[in-house]
Each structure stands twice: as C-alpha cells, then as structure tokens.
Amino acid sequence: MYFFKKQSVKIILFCPIIAVLILICLIYIGTIIYIPNIYKSELHSLQDSYIGILTLGVIQPIAEEILFRGTFMSSLLKWKKNPWWAISITTIIFSCIHLNISQIIGTFVFGFIAGWLFYKTNSLYPSIIIHITNNSICCLLGKASFCTTMDQFIDCNKLFGLLVIIPACLGLLIYIICIIQKK
C-alpha cells in the first residue's frame, strides 16, 4: 500500500533543494499577499521545545505524507487513474486540513509538488524529504527568531525578490523537474 521505492541519489539530493526553492518563493509571496496567522502563538509555543521541533519537523511530515500521498493519493490513482485529478484532490484536502488560512497558499503549492513527485517517482521518499526539509527549516527559523529579520530583509527588497530570486528559483525548479521527468 505505501510506496517506499528506493530512489537514485540524484533525486534524493535534489529534494532538499526543491524544498528550499519552494520555501523561498512562498516567503516572498507571503510578503506580497499578507494573510494574518491566527495560530502564530501556538506554533511558537510548540517550537520552544526540542520535542516540539522533532514533532513538527520530522514526525508530522512523515505521518502526513503516509496519510495524504501514501493512502489518499494512491487510492485515488487506483480508483480514477487520472494523476492530475488525484494530485489536485489530495492537495485540496492537504491544504484544508492544516486549518491555518495563512498557510493555505503555501500548503497548496507544496502539496501539489509533493503529489507530483510521488506520482513521478512512485515513492514516498521524495515527498517525505521535501516535507521534512520545509517543516524543519520553518521550525528552526521560528526557534531562532530569524523570521523577523528575514521578513524585514524581504520587505525592503521585494523588487529584488520579484526580479531576481523568484525567477532564479523557478528556473532551477523547472530544471530539477526536467531531470526527474527523464528518469
């Protein structure tokens, strides 16, 4: 039922890069489209302990990927045989289940890419790796209080982000996707 197919080293090494690129793009988008985070204090309280960071950064991503990609999406793929339908439905459920309106754009983009990676590789490893990378970076930045500094940097440099960083990240992401598709 669950897909833990062995992956090439190239794909495994590209997964954290994909996660960081997605995160950078979403941080910039988040500064342009502001949505208040109603769960910010709860997230910060979870990030105050190493158990919380381990739970949010590692355990939760593995559980969510097994549930959403391993169970829901694989069932939808067997039932409907249409990968785009299965990816889209799973992504919508994944986004809504997070309950935090400030994360809905990010979880949708992230969920769609994780679903596509699962479909293309027939393995949970790539989606688990990008999910762990994303959540761990967010937890560690939240714990270290770098988010305020990063937000201030991005706020002062929105034009730089729009003209340079986002196109560069998207270009690299497209390149990585092309490499994975050839596999």
C-alpha atoms as a PDB file:
ATOM      1  CA  MET A   1       0.000   0.000   0.000  1.00  0.00           C
ATOM      2  CA  TYR A   2       2.723   2.506   0.864  1.00  0.00           C
ATOM      3  CA  PHE A   3       5.391   3.276  -1.657  1.00  0.00           C
ATOM      4  CA  PHE A   4       8.892   3.231  -0.251  1.00  0.00           C
ATOM      5  CA  LYS A   5      10.616   2.517  -3.540  1.00  0.00           C
ATOM      6  CA  LYS A   6      14.357   3.114  -3.498  1.00  0.00           C
ATOM      7  CA  GLN A   7      15.375   6.335  -5.286  1.00  0.00           C
ATOM      8  CA  SER A   8      18.521   7.463  -7.050  1.00  0.00           C
ATOM      9  CA  VAL A   9      20.985   9.596  -5.129  1.00  0.00           C
ATOM     10  CA  LYS A  10      20.390  12.427  -7.628  1.00  0.00           C
ATOM     11  CA  ILE A  11      16.674  12.613  -6.821  1.00  0.00           C
ATOM     12  CA  ILE A  12      17.280  12.337  -3.063  1.00  0.00           C
ATOM     13  CA  LEU A  13      19.857  15.159  -3.196  1.00  0.00           C
ATOM     14  CA  PHE A  14      17.558  17.377  -5.264  1.00  0.00           C
ATOM     15  CA  CYS A  15      14.648  17.050  -2.800  1.00  0.00           C
ATOM     16  CA  PRO A  16      16.036  19.423  -0.124  1.00  0.00           C
ATOM     17  CA  ILE A  17      16.930  21.899  -2.896  1.00  0.00           C
ATOM     18  CA  ILE A  18      13.354  21.709  -4.180  1.00  0.00           C
ATOM     19  CA  ALA A  19      12.026  22.320  -0.652  1.00  0.00           C
ATOM     20  CA  VAL A  20      14.269  25.357  -0.109  1.00  0.00           C
ATOM     21  CA  LEU A  21      13.315  26.821  -3.505  1.00  0.00           C
ATOM     22  CA  ILE A  22       9.620  26.385  -2.756  1.00  0.00           C
ATOM     23  CA  LEU A  23      10.106  27.948   0.683  1.00  0.00           C
ATOM     24  CA  ILE A  24      11.966  30.977  -0.713  1.00  0.00           C
ATOM     25  CA  CYS A  25       9.256  31.586  -3.312  1.00  0.00           C
ATOM     26  CA  LEU A  26       6.494  31.207  -0.729  1.00  0.00           C
ATOM     27  CA  ILE A  27       8.199  33.580   1.707  1.00  0.00           C
ATOM     28  CA  TYR A  28       8.253  36.257  -0.999  1.00  0.00           C
ATOM     29  CA  ILE A  29       4.668  35.550  -1.994  1.00  0.00           C
ATOM     30  CA  GLY A  30       3.715  35.765   1.697  1.00  0.00           C
ATOM     31  CA  THR A  31       5.157  39.265   1.934  1.00  0.00           C
ATOM     32  CA  ILE A  32       3.150  40.390  -1.079  1.00  0.00           C
ATOM     33  CA  ILE A  33      -0.135  38.659  -0.194  1.00  0.00           C
ATOM     34  CA  TYR A  34      -0.454  39.169   3.557  1.00  0.00           C
ATOM     35  CA  ILE A  35      -2.771  36.790   5.362  1.00  0.00           C
ATOM     36  CA  PRO A  36      -2.793  37.017   9.176  1.00  0.00           C
ATOM     37  CA  ASN A  37      -1.542  33.945  11.021  1.00  0.00           C
ATOM     38  CA  ILE A  38      -4.097  33.171  13.724  1.00  0.00           C
ATOM     39  CA  TYR A  39      -2.066  30.223  15.066  1.00  0.00           C
ATOM     40  CA  LYS A  40       1.274  32.036  15.373  1.00  0.00           C
ATOM     41  CA  SER A  41       1.454  31.904  19.182  1.00  0.00           C
ATOM     42  CA  GLU A  42       0.543  28.190  19.248  1.00  0.00           C
ATOM     43  CA  LEU A  43       3.255  27.410  16.679  1.00  0.00           C
ATOM     44  CA  HIS A  44       5.833  29.405  18.638  1.00  0.00           C
ATOM     45  CA  SER A  45       4.955  27.547  21.837  1.00  0.00           C
ATOM     46  CA  LEU A  46       5.454  24.216  20.032  1.00  0.00           C
ATOM     47  CA  GLN A  47       8.814  25.417  18.693  1.00  0.00           C
ATOM     48  CA  ASP A  48      10.049  26.256  22.196  1.00  0.00           C
ATOM     49  CA  SER A  49      10.955  22.635  22.922  1.00  0.00           C
ATOM     50  CA  TYR A  50      13.139  20.206  21.043  1.00  0.00           C
ATOM     51  CA  ILE A  51      10.331  17.626  21.252  1.00  0.00           C
ATOM     52  CA  GLY A  52       8.057  20.146  19.513  1.00  0.00           C
ATOM     53  CA  ILE A  53      10.643  20.761  16.794  1.00  0.00           C
ATOM     54  CA  LEU A  54      11.115  17.000  16.332  1.00  0.00           C
ATOM     55  CA  THR A  55       7.345  16.517  16.151  1.00  0.00           C
ATOM     56  CA  LEU A  56       6.685  19.400  13.734  1.00  0.00           C
ATOM     57  CA  GLY A  57       9.885  18.976  11.739  1.00  0.00           C
ATOM     58  CA  VAL A  58      10.149  15.201  11.343  1.00  0.00           C
ATOM     59  CA  ILE A  59       7.322  13.086  12.769  1.00  0.00           C
ATOM     60  CA  GLN A  60       4.418  15.148  11.416  1.00  0.00           C
ATOM     61  CA  PRO A  61       5.800  15.319   7.837  1.00  0.00           C
ATOM     62  CA  ILE A  62       6.302  11.541   7.722  1.00  0.00           C
ATOM     63  CA  ALA A  63       2.792  10.897   9.076  1.00  0.00           C
ATOM     64  CA  GLU A  64       1.203  13.425   6.695  1.00  0.00           C
ATOM     65  CA  GLU A  65       2.986  12.005   3.647  1.00  0.00           C
ATOM     66  CA  ILE A  66       1.978   8.437   4.529  1.00  0.00           C
ATOM     67  CA  LEU A  67      -1.619   9.604   5.010  1.00  0.00           C
ATOM     68  CA  PHE A  68      -2.012  12.011   2.085  1.00  0.00           C
ATOM     69  CA  ARG A  69       0.270  10.638  -0.622  1.00  0.00           C
ATOM     70  CA  GLY A  70       0.605   7.031   0.554  1.00  0.00           C
ATOM     71  CA  THR A  71      -3.058   6.421   1.375  1.00  0.00           C
ATOM     72  CA  PHE A  72      -5.337   9.066  -0.177  1.00  0.00           C
ATOM     73  CA  MET A  73      -3.471   9.743  -3.388  1.00  0.00           C
ATOM     74  CA  SER A  74      -2.548   6.129  -4.106  1.00  0.00           C
ATOM     75  CA  SER A  75      -6.223   5.156  -3.580  1.00  0.00           C
ATOM     76  CA  LEU A  76      -7.393   7.942  -5.893  1.00  0.00           C
ATOM     77  CA  LEU A  77      -4.854   6.874  -8.525  1.00  0.00           C
ATOM     78  CA  LYS A  78      -6.187   3.304  -8.407  1.00  0.00           C
ATOM     79  CA  TRP A  79      -9.787   4.473  -8.485  1.00  0.00           C
ATOM     80  CA  LYS A  80      -9.686   7.226 -11.115  1.00  0.00           C
ATOM     81  CA  LYS A  81      -6.406   6.534 -12.955  1.00  0.00           C
ATOM     82  CA  ASN A  82      -6.056  10.273 -13.629  1.00  0.00           C
ATOM     83  CA  PRO A  83      -2.910  11.611 -11.936  1.00  0.00           C
ATOM     84  CA  TRP A  84      -3.891  15.306 -12.157  1.00  0.00           C
ATOM     85  CA  TRP A  85      -7.256  14.624 -10.577  1.00  0.00           C
ATOM     86  CA  ALA A  86      -5.660  12.573  -7.775  1.00  0.00           C
ATOM     87  CA  ILE A  87      -2.932  15.179  -7.177  1.00  0.00           C
ATOM     88  CA  SER A  88      -5.468  18.043  -7.137  1.00  0.00           C
ATOM     89  CA  ILE A  89      -7.979  16.392  -4.783  1.00  0.00           C
ATOM     90  CA  THR A  90      -5.235  15.281  -2.390  1.00  0.00           C
ATOM     91  CA  THR A  91      -3.696  18.773  -2.489  1.00  0.00           C
ATOM     92  CA  ILE A  92      -7.011  20.463  -1.687  1.00  0.00           C
ATOM     93  CA  ILE A  93      -7.615  18.122   1.266  1.00  0.00           C
ATOM     94  CA  PHE A  94      -3.995  18.565   2.436  1.00  0.00           C
ATOM     95  CA  SER A  95      -4.363  22.374   2.314  1.00  0.00           C
ATOM     96  CA  CYS A  96      -7.715  22.485   4.093  1.00  0.00           C
ATOM     97  CA  ILE A  97      -6.726  20.052   6.845  1.00  0.00           C
ATOM     98  CA  HIS A  98      -3.992  22.433   8.055  1.00  0.00           C
ATOM     99  CA  LEU A  99      -6.772  24.824   9.229  1.00  0.00           C
ATOM    100  CA  ASN A 100      -4.471  27.853   9.105  1.00  0.00           C
ATOM    101  CA  ILE A 101      -5.634  30.300   6.447  1.00  0.00           C
ATOM    102  CA  SER A 102      -2.208  31.966   6.408  1.00  0.00           C
ATOM    103  CA  GLN A 103      -0.659  28.680   5.245  1.00  0.00           C
ATOM    104  CA  ILE A 104      -3.244  27.732   2.618  1.00  0.00           C
ATOM    105  CA  ILE A 105      -1.318  29.081  -0.397  1.00  0.00           C
ATOM    106  CA  GLY A 106       1.920  27.519   0.785  1.00  0.00           C
ATOM    107  CA  THR A 107       0.383  24.162   1.637  1.00  0.00           C
ATOM    108  CA  PHE A 108      -1.413  24.091  -1.709  1.00  0.00           C
ATOM    109  CA  VAL A 109       1.764  24.762  -3.717  1.00  0.00           C
ATOM    110  CA  PHE A 110       3.782  22.424  -1.535  1.00  0.00           C
ATOM    111  CA  GLY A 111       1.117  19.686  -1.620  1.00  0.00           C
ATOM    112  CA  PHE A 112       0.844  19.852  -5.390  1.00  0.00           C
ATOM    113  CA  ILE A 113       4.613  19.492  -5.856  1.00  0.00           C
ATOM    114  CA  ALA A 114       4.778  16.683  -3.261  1.00  0.00           C
ATOM    115  CA  GLY A 115       1.934  14.905  -5.050  1.00  0.00           C
ATOM    116  CA  TRP A 116       3.608  15.301  -8.423  1.00  0.00           C
ATOM    117  CA  LEU A 117       6.897  13.946  -7.023  1.00  0.00           C
ATOM    118  CA  PHE A 118       5.069  10.983  -5.509  1.00  0.00           C
ATOM    119  CA  TYR A 119       3.350  10.259  -8.819  1.00  0.00           C
ATOM    120  CA  LYS A 120       6.530  10.604 -10.915  1.00  0.00           C
ATOM    121  CA  THR A 121       8.767   8.548  -8.611  1.00  0.00           C
ATOM    122  CA  ASN A 122       6.140   6.120  -7.257  1.00  0.00           C
ATOM    123  CA  SER A 123       7.825   6.600  -3.889  1.00  0.00           C
ATOM    124  CA  LEU A 124       7.111   8.488  -0.687  1.00  0.00           C
ATOM    125  CA  TYR A 125      10.781   9.254  -0.065  1.00  0.00           C
ATOM    126  CA  PRO A 126      10.974  12.439  -2.210  1.00  0.00           C
ATOM    127  CA  SER A 127       7.794  13.951  -0.751  1.00  0.00           C
ATOM    128  CA  ILE A 128       8.853  12.990   2.790  1.00  0.00           C
ATOM    129  CA  ILE A 129      12.281  14.570   2.275  1.00  0.00           C
ATOM    130  CA  ILE A 130      10.906  17.876   0.939  1.00  0.00           C
ATOM    131  CA  HIS A 131       8.276  17.933   3.698  1.00  0.00           C
ATOM    132  CA  ILE A 132      10.841  17.311   6.460  1.00  0.00           C
ATOM    133  CA  THR A 133      13.178  19.918   4.938  1.00  0.00           C
ATOM    134  CA  ASN A 134      10.398  22.520   4.724  1.00  0.00           C
ATOM    135  CA  ASN A 135       8.995  21.951   8.211  1.00  0.00           C
ATOM    136  CA  SER A 136      12.424  21.694   9.861  1.00  0.00           C
ATOM    137  CA  ILE A 137      13.639  24.945   8.299  1.00  0.00           C
ATOM    138  CA  CYS A 138      10.442  26.720   9.376  1.00  0.00           C
ATOM    139  CA  CYS A 139      10.750  25.340  12.934  1.00  0.00           C
ATOM    140  CA  LEU A 140      14.408  26.240  13.261  1.00  0.00           C
ATOM    141  CA  LEU A 141      13.884  29.739  11.845  1.00  0.00           C
ATOM    142  CA  GLY A 142      10.956  30.220  14.210  1.00  0.00           C
ATOM    143  CA  LYS A 143      13.004  28.990  17.190  1.00  0.00           C
ATOM    144  CA  ALA A 144      15.988  31.145  16.285  1.00  0.00           C
ATOM    145  CA  SER A 145      13.715  34.160  15.662  1.00  0.00           C
ATOM    146  CA  PHE A 146      15.230  34.701  12.228  1.00  0.00           C
ATOM    147  CA  CYS A 147      11.781  35.087  10.714  1.00  0.00           C
ATOM    148  CA  THR A 148      11.533  38.722  11.760  1.00  0.00           C
ATOM    149  CA  THR A 149      14.953  39.526  10.307  1.00  0.00           C
ATOM    150  CA  MET A 150      14.188  37.595   7.122  1.00  0.00           C
ATOM    151  CA  ASP A 151      10.805  39.321   6.802  1.00  0.00           C
ATOM    152  CA  GLN A 152      12.477  42.721   7.232  1.00  0.00           C
ATOM    153  CA  PHE A 153      15.090  41.854   4.589  1.00  0.00           C
ATOM    154  CA  ILE A 154      12.445  40.665   2.154  1.00  0.00           C
ATOM    155  CA  ASP A 155      10.182  43.628   2.929  1.00  0.00           C
ATOM    156  CA  CYS A 156      12.983  46.035   1.983  1.00  0.00           C
ATOM    157  CA  ASN A 157      13.933  44.007  -1.078  1.00  0.00           C
ATOM    158  CA  LYS A 158      10.607  42.958  -2.626  1.00  0.00           C
ATOM    159  CA  LEU A 159      11.612  44.205  -6.055  1.00  0.00           C
ATOM    160  CA  PHE A 160      14.900  42.288  -5.847  1.00  0.00           C
ATOM    161  CA  GLY A 161      12.956  39.150  -4.950  1.00  0.00           C
ATOM    162  CA  LEU A 162      10.447  39.598  -7.721  1.00  0.00           C
ATOM    163  CA  LEU A 163      13.030  40.305 -10.402  1.00  0.00           C
ATOM    164  CA  VAL A 164      15.884  38.005  -9.381  1.00  0.00           C
ATOM    165  CA  ILE A 165      15.244  35.437  -6.673  1.00  0.00           C
ATOM    166  CA  ILE A 166      11.819  34.124  -7.723  1.00  0.00           C
ATOM    167  CA  PRO A 167      12.744  33.684 -11.424  1.00  0.00           C
ATOM    168  CA  ALA A 168      16.050  32.050 -10.433  1.00  0.00           C
ATOM    169  CA  CYS A 169      14.292  29.667  -8.048  1.00  0.00           C
ATOM    170  CA  LEU A 170      11.593  28.842 -10.574  1.00  0.00           C
ATOM    171  CA  GLY A 171      14.220  28.260 -13.279  1.00  0.00           C
ATOM    172  CA  LEU A 172      16.159  25.895 -11.047  1.00  0.00           C
ATOM    173  CA  LEU A 173      12.939  24.168 -10.004  1.00  0.00           C
ATOM    174  CA  ILE A 174      11.958  23.633 -13.658  1.00  0.00           C
ATOM    175  CA  TYR A 175      15.443  22.264 -14.376  1.00  0.00           C
ATOM    176  CA  ILE A 176      15.158  19.800 -11.476  1.00  0.00           C
ATOM    177  CA  ILE A 177      11.671  18.750 -12.603  1.00  0.00           C
ATOM    178  CA  CYS A 178      13.002  18.103 -16.123  1.00  0.00           C
ATOM    179  CA  ILE A 179      15.758  15.902 -14.685  1.00  0.00           C
ATOM    180  CA  ILE A 180      13.238  13.945 -12.607  1.00  0.00           C
ATOM    181  CA  GLN A 181      10.867  13.546 -15.580  1.00  0.00           C
ATOM    182  CA  LYS A 182      13.646  11.995 -17.674  1.00  0.00           C
ATOM    183  CA  LYS A 183      14.055   9.285 -15.032  1.00  0.00           C
END
